[in-house]
Structures are given as structure tokens and as C-alpha cells.
Amino acid sequence: MKKLFLGAAVAASSIAFAQTYGNQPIKDGARADTGFGVKAGLNVSSMSGDTWTDKKAKPGFYAGVFYKAPIAEGFSVQPELIYTQYGTRSKFTSNLLNNTTEYNLNLGYIAVPVMFQYNFVDEFFIEAGPEFGFMVNANSKVKNSNDNIPNGERVELKTDDFNKFNFGIGIGLGYYFIPELGISARYVAGLNNPLDQDNDKWGSDAKSKNGTFQVGLNYRF
């Protein structure tokens, strides 16, 4: 939790910095629109490592709020507070049972990305920055291809079985159709292991990292 507070503190500092410099005169070529907005969209995530067999991407969603302000000519900072779903799908095939089992792991995070953006033109931007996340829920579900083998119910997992803090680096781009509405895409690469290697559920050899591709809409007030 302390690490999430660190992320929130970084975001708050970025907002204070942006508000200070956002009130300064902006030269031609930099966006002068400062303020809050909302965003939502689709996640396609997976987890690296040998813990998972026949890994597949897992769909999910993200939604949250952001604050954007210019800090220099062409440059802006955009702290965000979002709920985002990470995880992975893993498949195992049994020829004996004529069945393929699909294991879905869903991890929910409250994330605080702090993105630094550069506008080539008013409508188009690229971005990069850190993301701080704290796991708030986890669940799994098993699905079988053989109709004679029942599917498993969704099982709520203990977040204590995981490394609750997630730190990653995001890089992306976006385009605003009109000043208020735009589309953006981002890839977030996790830099730490979401699996708790001290937990018997995973073991000391369990090594993995989150990775997700996001695409969605942004609306500025």
C-alpha cells in the first residue's frame, strides 16, 4: 500500500507542477487546454514466464480519470487514476480425455500512470511514463472443451498470494478528433514479478511479468 501512496504522491506532485506551469503563457504550437477528463477502453494482456503453458492473450477493460496540463512548448503531463484488468490465459490439452482445459487468471489493479506527452501537432501526441499499480482483486476460472467435463466456477483468489504492487513503463500515442474527444493506444510493460515467490502456491521458481496493450477513448471536460 505504501508503494501505491508513492504513486499517488507522484501523481499529485505532477498535478501541482502542471497547475503551476499550466498557468504560464504557452507559445504557439503547444496545447493550452488544461483540465480533467475520463477514459475507458479495452485491455489485451498476458503474463510472461514458464509458469504458464501455451499462453494466450486475455481481454479485459480499463476505466478512470485523468488530468492534463501543458508544462512547456509542445509538452504536457497527464497523471491518471484508473481501474485496469491484467492477467493471462493458459491452455493444457489431454489427449487421453480428449479435452483442452483453459485457465483464466484475472488480476484487477488500481493504477496511477503518470504520462509525459509531446504534441507534434495539436491533435496528435506520443507519450511515455511510469505506472504504479496496487492489486485489489484476483480470480480464476477453468473452462473445458469436452462437454462431458464440467467447467469450473469463478474462484476468488487471495491477493496475499501475489505481489500486490505492480510497477511498469507505458508508451503510447493518441489522436483527438475534436478538442474534447480522442482515441489512444498504449503498451504497459510490467517490470516486477506479480507472483509472490515466497508463497507455496507459486514457489520460488515462479517468475512472470505483466504486459498489456490498451486502446480506448478519452473525453476532456
C-alpha atoms as a PDB file:
ATOM      1  CA  MET A   1       0.000   0.000   0.000  1.00  0.00           C
ATOM      2  CA  LYS A   2       2.900   2.365   0.759  1.00  0.00           C
ATOM      3  CA  LYS A   3       4.079   1.938  -2.829  1.00  0.00           C
ATOM      4  CA  LEU A   4       0.648   2.898  -4.159  1.00  0.00           C
ATOM      5  CA  PHE A   5       0.781   6.007  -1.960  1.00  0.00           C
ATOM      6  CA  LEU A   6       4.136   6.740  -3.588  1.00  0.00           C
ATOM      7  CA  GLY A   7       2.480   6.567  -6.995  1.00  0.00           C
ATOM      8  CA  ALA A   8      -0.359   8.793  -5.803  1.00  0.00           C
ATOM      9  CA  ALA A   9       2.184  11.255  -4.396  1.00  0.00           C
ATOM     10  CA  VAL A  10       3.987  11.349  -7.744  1.00  0.00           C
ATOM     11  CA  ALA A  11       0.661  11.974  -9.499  1.00  0.00           C
ATOM     12  CA  ALA A  12      -0.303  14.712  -7.009  1.00  0.00           C
ATOM     13  CA  SER A  13       3.086  16.367  -7.435  1.00  0.00           C
ATOM     14  CA  SER A  14       2.660  16.206 -11.203  1.00  0.00           C
ATOM     15  CA  ILE A  15      -0.755  17.862 -10.955  1.00  0.00           C
ATOM     16  CA  ALA A  16       0.640  20.623  -8.715  1.00  0.00           C
ATOM     17  CA  PHE A  17       3.543  21.118 -11.111  1.00  0.00           C
ATOM     18  CA  ALA A  18       1.194  21.153 -14.095  1.00  0.00           C
ATOM     19  CA  GLN A  19      -1.154  23.643 -12.443  1.00  0.00           C
ATOM     20  CA  THR A  20       1.772  25.953 -11.685  1.00  0.00           C
ATOM     21  CA  TYR A  21       3.200  25.863 -15.184  1.00  0.00           C
ATOM     22  CA  GLY A  22      -0.146  25.426 -16.875  1.00  0.00           C
ATOM     23  CA  ASN A  23      -0.995  28.999 -15.861  1.00  0.00           C
ATOM     24  CA  GLN A  24       2.096  30.341 -17.627  1.00  0.00           C
ATOM     25  CA  PRO A  25       1.823  31.717 -21.180  1.00  0.00           C
ATOM     26  CA  ILE A  26       2.087  28.938 -23.759  1.00  0.00           C
ATOM     27  CA  LYS A  27       3.852  29.566 -27.035  1.00  0.00           C
ATOM     28  CA  ASP A  28       2.260  28.746 -30.346  1.00  0.00           C
ATOM     29  CA  GLY A  29       2.392  25.014 -31.102  1.00  0.00           C
ATOM     30  CA  ALA A  30       1.606  23.822 -27.567  1.00  0.00           C
ATOM     31  CA  ARG A  31      -1.832  22.758 -26.428  1.00  0.00           C
ATOM     32  CA  ALA A  32      -3.227  25.310 -23.997  1.00  0.00           C
ATOM     33  CA  ASP A  33      -6.152  23.172 -22.808  1.00  0.00           C
ATOM     34  CA  THR A  34      -5.770  22.181 -19.173  1.00  0.00           C
ATOM     35  CA  GLY A  35      -8.213  20.123 -17.154  1.00  0.00           C
ATOM     36  CA  PHE A  36      -9.788  16.838 -16.179  1.00  0.00           C
ATOM     37  CA  GLY A  37     -11.144  14.057 -18.342  1.00  0.00           C
ATOM     38  CA  VAL A  38     -12.368  10.469 -18.340  1.00  0.00           C
ATOM     39  CA  LYS A  39     -11.111   7.485 -20.297  1.00  0.00           C
ATOM     40  CA  ALA A  40     -12.130   3.860 -20.884  1.00  0.00           C
ATOM     41  CA  GLY A  41     -11.300   1.051 -23.239  1.00  0.00           C
ATOM     42  CA  LEU A  42     -10.077  -2.472 -23.913  1.00  0.00           C
ATOM     43  CA  ASN A  43      -7.084  -4.273 -22.405  1.00  0.00           C
ATOM     44  CA  VAL A  44      -5.392  -7.235 -24.069  1.00  0.00           C
ATOM     45  CA  SER A  45      -2.983  -8.663 -21.503  1.00  0.00           C
ATOM     46  CA  SER A  46      -0.681 -11.603 -20.933  1.00  0.00           C
ATOM     47  CA  MET A  47       1.985 -12.728 -18.482  1.00  0.00           C
ATOM     48  CA  SER A  48       5.478 -13.869 -19.362  1.00  0.00           C
ATOM     49  CA  GLY A  49       7.383 -16.749 -17.784  1.00  0.00           C
ATOM     50  CA  ASP A  50       7.481 -20.544 -17.694  1.00  0.00           C
ATOM     51  CA  THR A  51       4.749 -20.701 -15.042  1.00  0.00           C
ATOM     52  CA  TRP A  52       2.166 -20.645 -17.851  1.00  0.00           C
ATOM     53  CA  THR A  53       1.878 -23.241 -20.634  1.00  0.00           C
ATOM     54  CA  ASP A  54       0.601 -22.316 -24.102  1.00  0.00           C
ATOM     55  CA  LYS A  55      -0.007 -18.703 -23.067  1.00  0.00           C
ATOM     56  CA  LYS A  56      -2.783 -16.713 -24.740  1.00  0.00           C
ATOM     57  CA  ALA A  57      -3.779 -13.065 -24.506  1.00  0.00           C
ATOM     58  CA  LYS A  58      -6.713 -12.259 -22.205  1.00  0.00           C
ATOM     59  CA  PRO A  59      -9.216  -9.467 -22.876  1.00  0.00           C
ATOM     60  CA  GLY A  60     -10.249  -7.043 -20.151  1.00  0.00           C
ATOM     61  CA  PHE A  61     -11.064  -3.376 -19.675  1.00  0.00           C
ATOM     62  CA  TYR A  62      -9.838  -0.193 -18.045  1.00  0.00           C
ATOM     63  CA  ALA A  63     -11.625   2.965 -16.915  1.00  0.00           C
ATOM     64  CA  GLY A  64     -10.700   6.047 -14.958  1.00  0.00           C
ATOM     65  CA  VAL A  65      -9.952   9.753 -14.845  1.00  0.00           C
ATOM     66  CA  PHE A  66      -7.006  11.939 -15.837  1.00  0.00           C
ATOM     67  CA  TYR A  67      -5.706  15.484 -15.537  1.00  0.00           C
ATOM     68  CA  LYS A  68      -3.755  17.036 -18.401  1.00  0.00           C
ATOM     69  CA  ALA A  69      -1.767  20.272 -18.452  1.00  0.00           C
ATOM     70  CA  PRO A  70       0.981  21.757 -20.627  1.00  0.00           C
ATOM     71  CA  ILE A  71       4.368  22.223 -18.964  1.00  0.00           C
ATOM     72  CA  ALA A  72       6.408  23.572 -21.882  1.00  0.00           C
ATOM     73  CA  GLU A  73       6.081  24.208 -25.581  1.00  0.00           C
ATOM     74  CA  GLY A  74       4.612  21.025 -27.058  1.00  0.00           C
ATOM     75  CA  PHE A  75       4.922  19.080 -23.778  1.00  0.00           C
ATOM     76  CA  SER A  76       2.208  18.059 -21.286  1.00  0.00           C
ATOM     77  CA  VAL A  77       1.982  15.888 -18.190  1.00  0.00           C
ATOM     78  CA  GLN A  78      -1.039  13.624 -17.632  1.00  0.00           C
ATOM     79  CA  PRO A  79      -1.440  11.847 -14.263  1.00  0.00           C
ATOM     80  CA  GLU A  80      -4.243   9.262 -14.233  1.00  0.00           C
ATOM     81  CA  LEU A  81      -6.211   7.163 -11.749  1.00  0.00           C
ATOM     82  CA  ILE A  82      -7.700   4.054 -13.350  1.00  0.00           C
ATOM     83  CA  TYR A  83      -9.024   0.585 -12.633  1.00  0.00           C
ATOM     84  CA  THR A  84      -7.390  -1.873 -15.008  1.00  0.00           C
ATOM     85  CA  GLN A  85      -7.544  -5.643 -15.567  1.00  0.00           C
ATOM     86  CA  TYR A  86      -4.391  -7.669 -16.196  1.00  0.00           C
ATOM     87  CA  GLY A  87      -3.837 -11.424 -16.271  1.00  0.00           C
ATOM     88  CA  THR A  88      -3.392 -14.265 -18.738  1.00  0.00           C
ATOM     89  CA  ARG A  89      -4.909 -17.367 -20.296  1.00  0.00           C
ATOM     90  CA  SER A  90      -3.170 -20.730 -20.301  1.00  0.00           C
ATOM     91  CA  LYS A  91      -4.172 -23.932 -22.133  1.00  0.00           C
ATOM     92  CA  PHE A  92      -3.434 -27.599 -21.457  1.00  0.00           C
ATOM     93  CA  THR A  93      -4.532 -30.417 -23.776  1.00  0.00           C
ATOM     94  CA  SER A  94      -5.155 -34.003 -22.615  1.00  0.00           C
ATOM     95  CA  ASN A  95      -5.333 -36.485 -25.493  1.00  0.00           C
ATOM     96  CA  LEU A  96      -6.433 -39.184 -23.064  1.00  0.00           C
ATOM     97  CA  LEU A  97      -9.514 -37.220 -22.014  1.00  0.00           C
ATOM     98  CA  ASN A  98      -9.986 -35.600 -25.423  1.00  0.00           C
ATOM     99  CA  ASN A  99     -10.140 -32.270 -23.653  1.00  0.00           C
ATOM    100  CA  THR A 100      -8.457 -28.888 -23.669  1.00  0.00           C
ATOM    101  CA  THR A 101      -8.510 -27.011 -20.379  1.00  0.00           C
ATOM    102  CA  GLU A 102      -8.298 -23.220 -20.471  1.00  0.00           C
ATOM    103  CA  TYR A 103      -7.215 -21.467 -17.278  1.00  0.00           C
ATOM    104  CA  ASN A 104      -8.094 -17.783 -16.991  1.00  0.00           C
ATOM    105  CA  LEU A 105      -6.334 -15.634 -14.409  1.00  0.00           C
ATOM    106  CA  ASN A 106      -7.826 -12.170 -13.847  1.00  0.00           C
ATOM    107  CA  LEU A 107      -5.963  -9.535 -11.829  1.00  0.00           C
ATOM    108  CA  GLY A 108      -7.567  -6.184 -11.011  1.00  0.00           C
ATOM    109  CA  TYR A 109      -5.432  -3.145 -10.168  1.00  0.00           C
ATOM    110  CA  ILE A 110      -5.917   0.446  -9.130  1.00  0.00           C
ATOM    111  CA  ALA A 111      -3.217   2.075 -11.240  1.00  0.00           C
ATOM    112  CA  VAL A 112      -1.628   5.526 -11.238  1.00  0.00           C
ATOM    113  CA  PRO A 113       0.087   6.187 -14.578  1.00  0.00           C
ATOM    114  CA  VAL A 114       1.998   9.466 -14.931  1.00  0.00           C
ATOM    115  CA  MET A 115       2.416  10.084 -18.648  1.00  0.00           C
ATOM    116  CA  PHE A 116       4.586  12.742 -20.248  1.00  0.00           C
ATOM    117  CA  GLN A 117       3.198  13.703 -23.644  1.00  0.00           C
ATOM    118  CA  TYR A 118       4.543  15.517 -26.667  1.00  0.00           C
ATOM    119  CA  ASN A 119       2.296  17.027 -29.342  1.00  0.00           C
ATOM    120  CA  PHE A 120       3.674  17.107 -32.879  1.00  0.00           C
ATOM    121  CA  VAL A 121       0.501  18.966 -33.811  1.00  0.00           C
ATOM    122  CA  ASP A 122      -2.496  19.916 -31.678  1.00  0.00           C
ATOM    123  CA  GLU A 123      -4.375  16.711 -32.488  1.00  0.00           C
ATOM    124  CA  PHE A 124      -1.611  14.066 -32.313  1.00  0.00           C
ATOM    125  CA  PHE A 125       0.608  13.112 -29.359  1.00  0.00           C
ATOM    126  CA  ILE A 126       3.064  10.479 -28.202  1.00  0.00           C
ATOM    127  CA  GLU A 127       3.561   9.605 -24.531  1.00  0.00           C
ATOM    128  CA  ALA A 128       5.716   7.683 -22.089  1.00  0.00           C
ATOM    129  CA  GLY A 129       5.929   7.376 -18.325  1.00  0.00           C
ATOM    130  CA  PRO A 130       5.765   5.149 -15.243  1.00  0.00           C
ATOM    131  CA  GLU A 131       2.723   3.306 -13.923  1.00  0.00           C
ATOM    132  CA  PHE A 132       2.231   2.417 -10.250  1.00  0.00           C
ATOM    133  CA  GLY A 133      -0.410  -0.234  -9.506  1.00  0.00           C
ATOM    134  CA  PHE A 134      -1.922  -1.919  -6.449  1.00  0.00           C
ATOM    135  CA  MET A 135      -3.808  -5.207  -6.798  1.00  0.00           C
ATOM    136  CA  VAL A 136      -7.345  -5.004  -5.387  1.00  0.00           C
ATOM    137  CA  ASN A 137      -8.868  -8.288  -6.587  1.00  0.00           C
ATOM    138  CA  ALA A 138      -7.929 -11.579  -8.244  1.00  0.00           C
ATOM    139  CA  ASN A 139      -9.931 -14.518  -9.553  1.00  0.00           C
ATOM    140  CA  SER A 140      -9.575 -17.511 -11.833  1.00  0.00           C
ATOM    141  CA  LYS A 141     -11.839 -19.716 -13.919  1.00  0.00           C
ATOM    142  CA  VAL A 142     -11.395 -23.058 -15.674  1.00  0.00           C
ATOM    143  CA  LYS A 143     -13.132 -23.893 -18.964  1.00  0.00           C
ATOM    144  CA  ASN A 144     -13.122 -27.341 -20.610  1.00  0.00           C
ATOM    145  CA  SER A 145     -13.703 -28.084 -24.296  1.00  0.00           C
ATOM    146  CA  ASN A 146     -15.171 -31.548 -23.575  1.00  0.00           C
ATOM    147  CA  ASP A 147     -18.884 -31.163 -22.804  1.00  0.00           C
ATOM    148  CA  ASN A 148     -18.707 -34.200 -20.512  1.00  0.00           C
ATOM    149  CA  ILE A 149     -16.306 -32.397 -18.199  1.00  0.00           C
ATOM    150  CA  PRO A 150     -17.973 -29.598 -16.217  1.00  0.00           C
ATOM    151  CA  ASN A 151     -16.490 -26.124 -16.260  1.00  0.00           C
ATOM    152  CA  GLY A 152     -15.242 -24.661 -13.030  1.00  0.00           C
ATOM    153  CA  GLU A 153     -16.911 -21.791 -11.222  1.00  0.00           C
ATOM    154  CA  ARG A 154     -15.109 -18.492 -10.936  1.00  0.00           C
ATOM    155  CA  VAL A 155     -12.879 -18.702  -7.864  1.00  0.00           C
ATOM    156  CA  GLU A 156     -11.898 -15.625  -5.890  1.00  0.00           C
ATOM    157  CA  LEU A 157      -8.186 -15.715  -5.080  1.00  0.00           C
ATOM    158  CA  LYS A 158      -6.361 -14.132  -2.172  1.00  0.00           C
ATOM    159  CA  THR A 159      -4.384 -11.080  -3.187  1.00  0.00           C
ATOM    160  CA  ASP A 160      -1.888 -12.116  -0.483  1.00  0.00           C
ATOM    161  CA  ASP A 161      -0.821 -14.911  -2.867  1.00  0.00           C
ATOM    162  CA  PHE A 162       0.543 -12.225  -5.183  1.00  0.00           C
ATOM    163  CA  ASN A 163       2.943  -9.322  -5.128  1.00  0.00           C
ATOM    164  CA  LYS A 164       0.281  -6.645  -4.755  1.00  0.00           C
ATOM    165  CA  PHE A 165       2.429  -3.813  -6.088  1.00  0.00           C
ATOM    166  CA  ASN A 166       2.981  -3.559  -9.832  1.00  0.00           C
ATOM    167  CA  PHE A 167       5.418  -1.158 -11.442  1.00  0.00           C
ATOM    168  CA  GLY A 168       5.578  -0.692 -15.177  1.00  0.00           C
ATOM    169  CA  ILE A 169       6.547   1.621 -18.002  1.00  0.00           C
ATOM    170  CA  GLY A 170       3.987   2.777 -20.539  1.00  0.00           C
ATOM    171  CA  ILE A 171       4.494   4.074 -24.062  1.00  0.00           C
ATOM    172  CA  GLY A 172       1.746   5.123 -26.427  1.00  0.00           C
ATOM    173  CA  LEU A 173       0.182   7.599 -28.802  1.00  0.00           C
ATOM    174  CA  GLY A 174      -3.158   9.289 -29.363  1.00  0.00           C
ATOM    175  CA  TYR A 175      -5.243  11.434 -31.656  1.00  0.00           C
ATOM    176  CA  TYR A 176      -8.058  13.896 -30.844  1.00  0.00           C
ATOM    177  CA  PHE A 177     -10.828  14.060 -33.446  1.00  0.00           C
ATOM    178  CA  ILE A 178     -12.177  17.187 -31.775  1.00  0.00           C
ATOM    179  CA  PRO A 179     -10.742  19.095 -28.776  1.00  0.00           C
ATOM    180  CA  GLU A 180     -12.890  17.071 -26.358  1.00  0.00           C
ATOM    181  CA  LEU A 181     -12.824  13.536 -27.818  1.00  0.00           C
ATOM    182  CA  GLY A 182      -9.895  11.371 -28.819  1.00  0.00           C
ATOM    183  CA  ILE A 183      -8.542   7.842 -29.147  1.00  0.00           C
ATOM    184  CA  SER A 184      -5.345   6.485 -27.633  1.00  0.00           C
ATOM    185  CA  ALA A 185      -3.288   3.293 -27.623  1.00  0.00           C
ATOM    186  CA  ARG A 186      -0.686   2.302 -25.046  1.00  0.00           C
ATOM    187  CA  TYR A 187       1.514  -0.647 -24.147  1.00  0.00           C
ATOM    188  CA  VAL A 188       2.430  -1.112 -20.482  1.00  0.00           C
ATOM    189  CA  ALA A 189       5.361  -3.407 -19.692  1.00  0.00           C
ATOM    190  CA  GLY A 190       5.486  -4.640 -16.102  1.00  0.00           C
ATOM    191  CA  LEU A 191       8.952  -4.605 -14.544  1.00  0.00           C
ATOM    192  CA  ASN A 192       8.375  -6.699 -11.420  1.00  0.00           C
ATOM    193  CA  ASN A 193       7.020 -10.181 -10.686  1.00  0.00           C
ATOM    194  CA  PRO A 194       3.274 -10.227  -9.837  1.00  0.00           C
ATOM    195  CA  LEU A 195       3.647 -13.719  -8.310  1.00  0.00           C
ATOM    196  CA  ASP A 196       4.763 -13.996  -4.682  1.00  0.00           C
ATOM    197  CA  GLN A 197       7.752 -16.343  -4.836  1.00  0.00           C
ATOM    198  CA  ASP A 198       7.634 -16.811  -1.046  1.00  0.00           C
ATOM    199  CA  ASN A 199       4.137 -18.295  -1.340  1.00  0.00           C
ATOM    200  CA  ASP A 200       3.800 -22.087  -1.690  1.00  0.00           C
ATOM    201  CA  LYS A 201       1.080 -21.579  -4.308  1.00  0.00           C
ATOM    202  CA  TRP A 202       3.699 -20.457  -6.840  1.00  0.00           C
ATOM    203  CA  GLY A 203       7.097 -21.452  -5.459  1.00  0.00           C
ATOM    204  CA  SER A 204      10.475 -19.766  -5.558  1.00  0.00           C
ATOM    205  CA  ASP A 205      10.979 -20.560  -9.256  1.00  0.00           C
ATOM    206  CA  ALA A 206       7.819 -18.741 -10.350  1.00  0.00           C
ATOM    207  CA  LYS A 207       8.878 -15.808 -12.492  1.00  0.00           C
ATOM    208  CA  SER A 208       6.487 -13.690 -14.505  1.00  0.00           C
ATOM    209  CA  LYS A 209       5.750 -10.139 -15.626  1.00  0.00           C
ATOM    210  CA  ASN A 210       2.588  -8.355 -16.676  1.00  0.00           C
ATOM    211  CA  GLY A 211       2.217  -6.922 -20.151  1.00  0.00           C
ATOM    212  CA  THR A 212      -0.849  -5.251 -21.617  1.00  0.00           C
ATOM    213  CA  PHE A 213      -1.942  -3.389 -24.729  1.00  0.00           C
ATOM    214  CA  GLN A 214      -4.674  -0.774 -24.233  1.00  0.00           C
ATOM    215  CA  VAL A 215      -6.851   1.041 -26.729  1.00  0.00           C
ATOM    216  CA  GLY A 216      -9.755   3.307 -25.856  1.00  0.00           C
ATOM    217  CA  LEU A 217     -11.455   6.685 -25.888  1.00  0.00           C
ATOM    218  CA  ASN A 218     -10.590   9.838 -23.941  1.00  0.00           C
ATOM    219  CA  TYR A 219     -13.034  12.649 -23.179  1.00  0.00           C
ATOM    220  CA  ARG A 220     -11.855  16.028 -21.838  1.00  0.00           C
ATOM    221  CA  PHE A 221     -14.250  18.304 -19.989  1.00  0.00           C
END
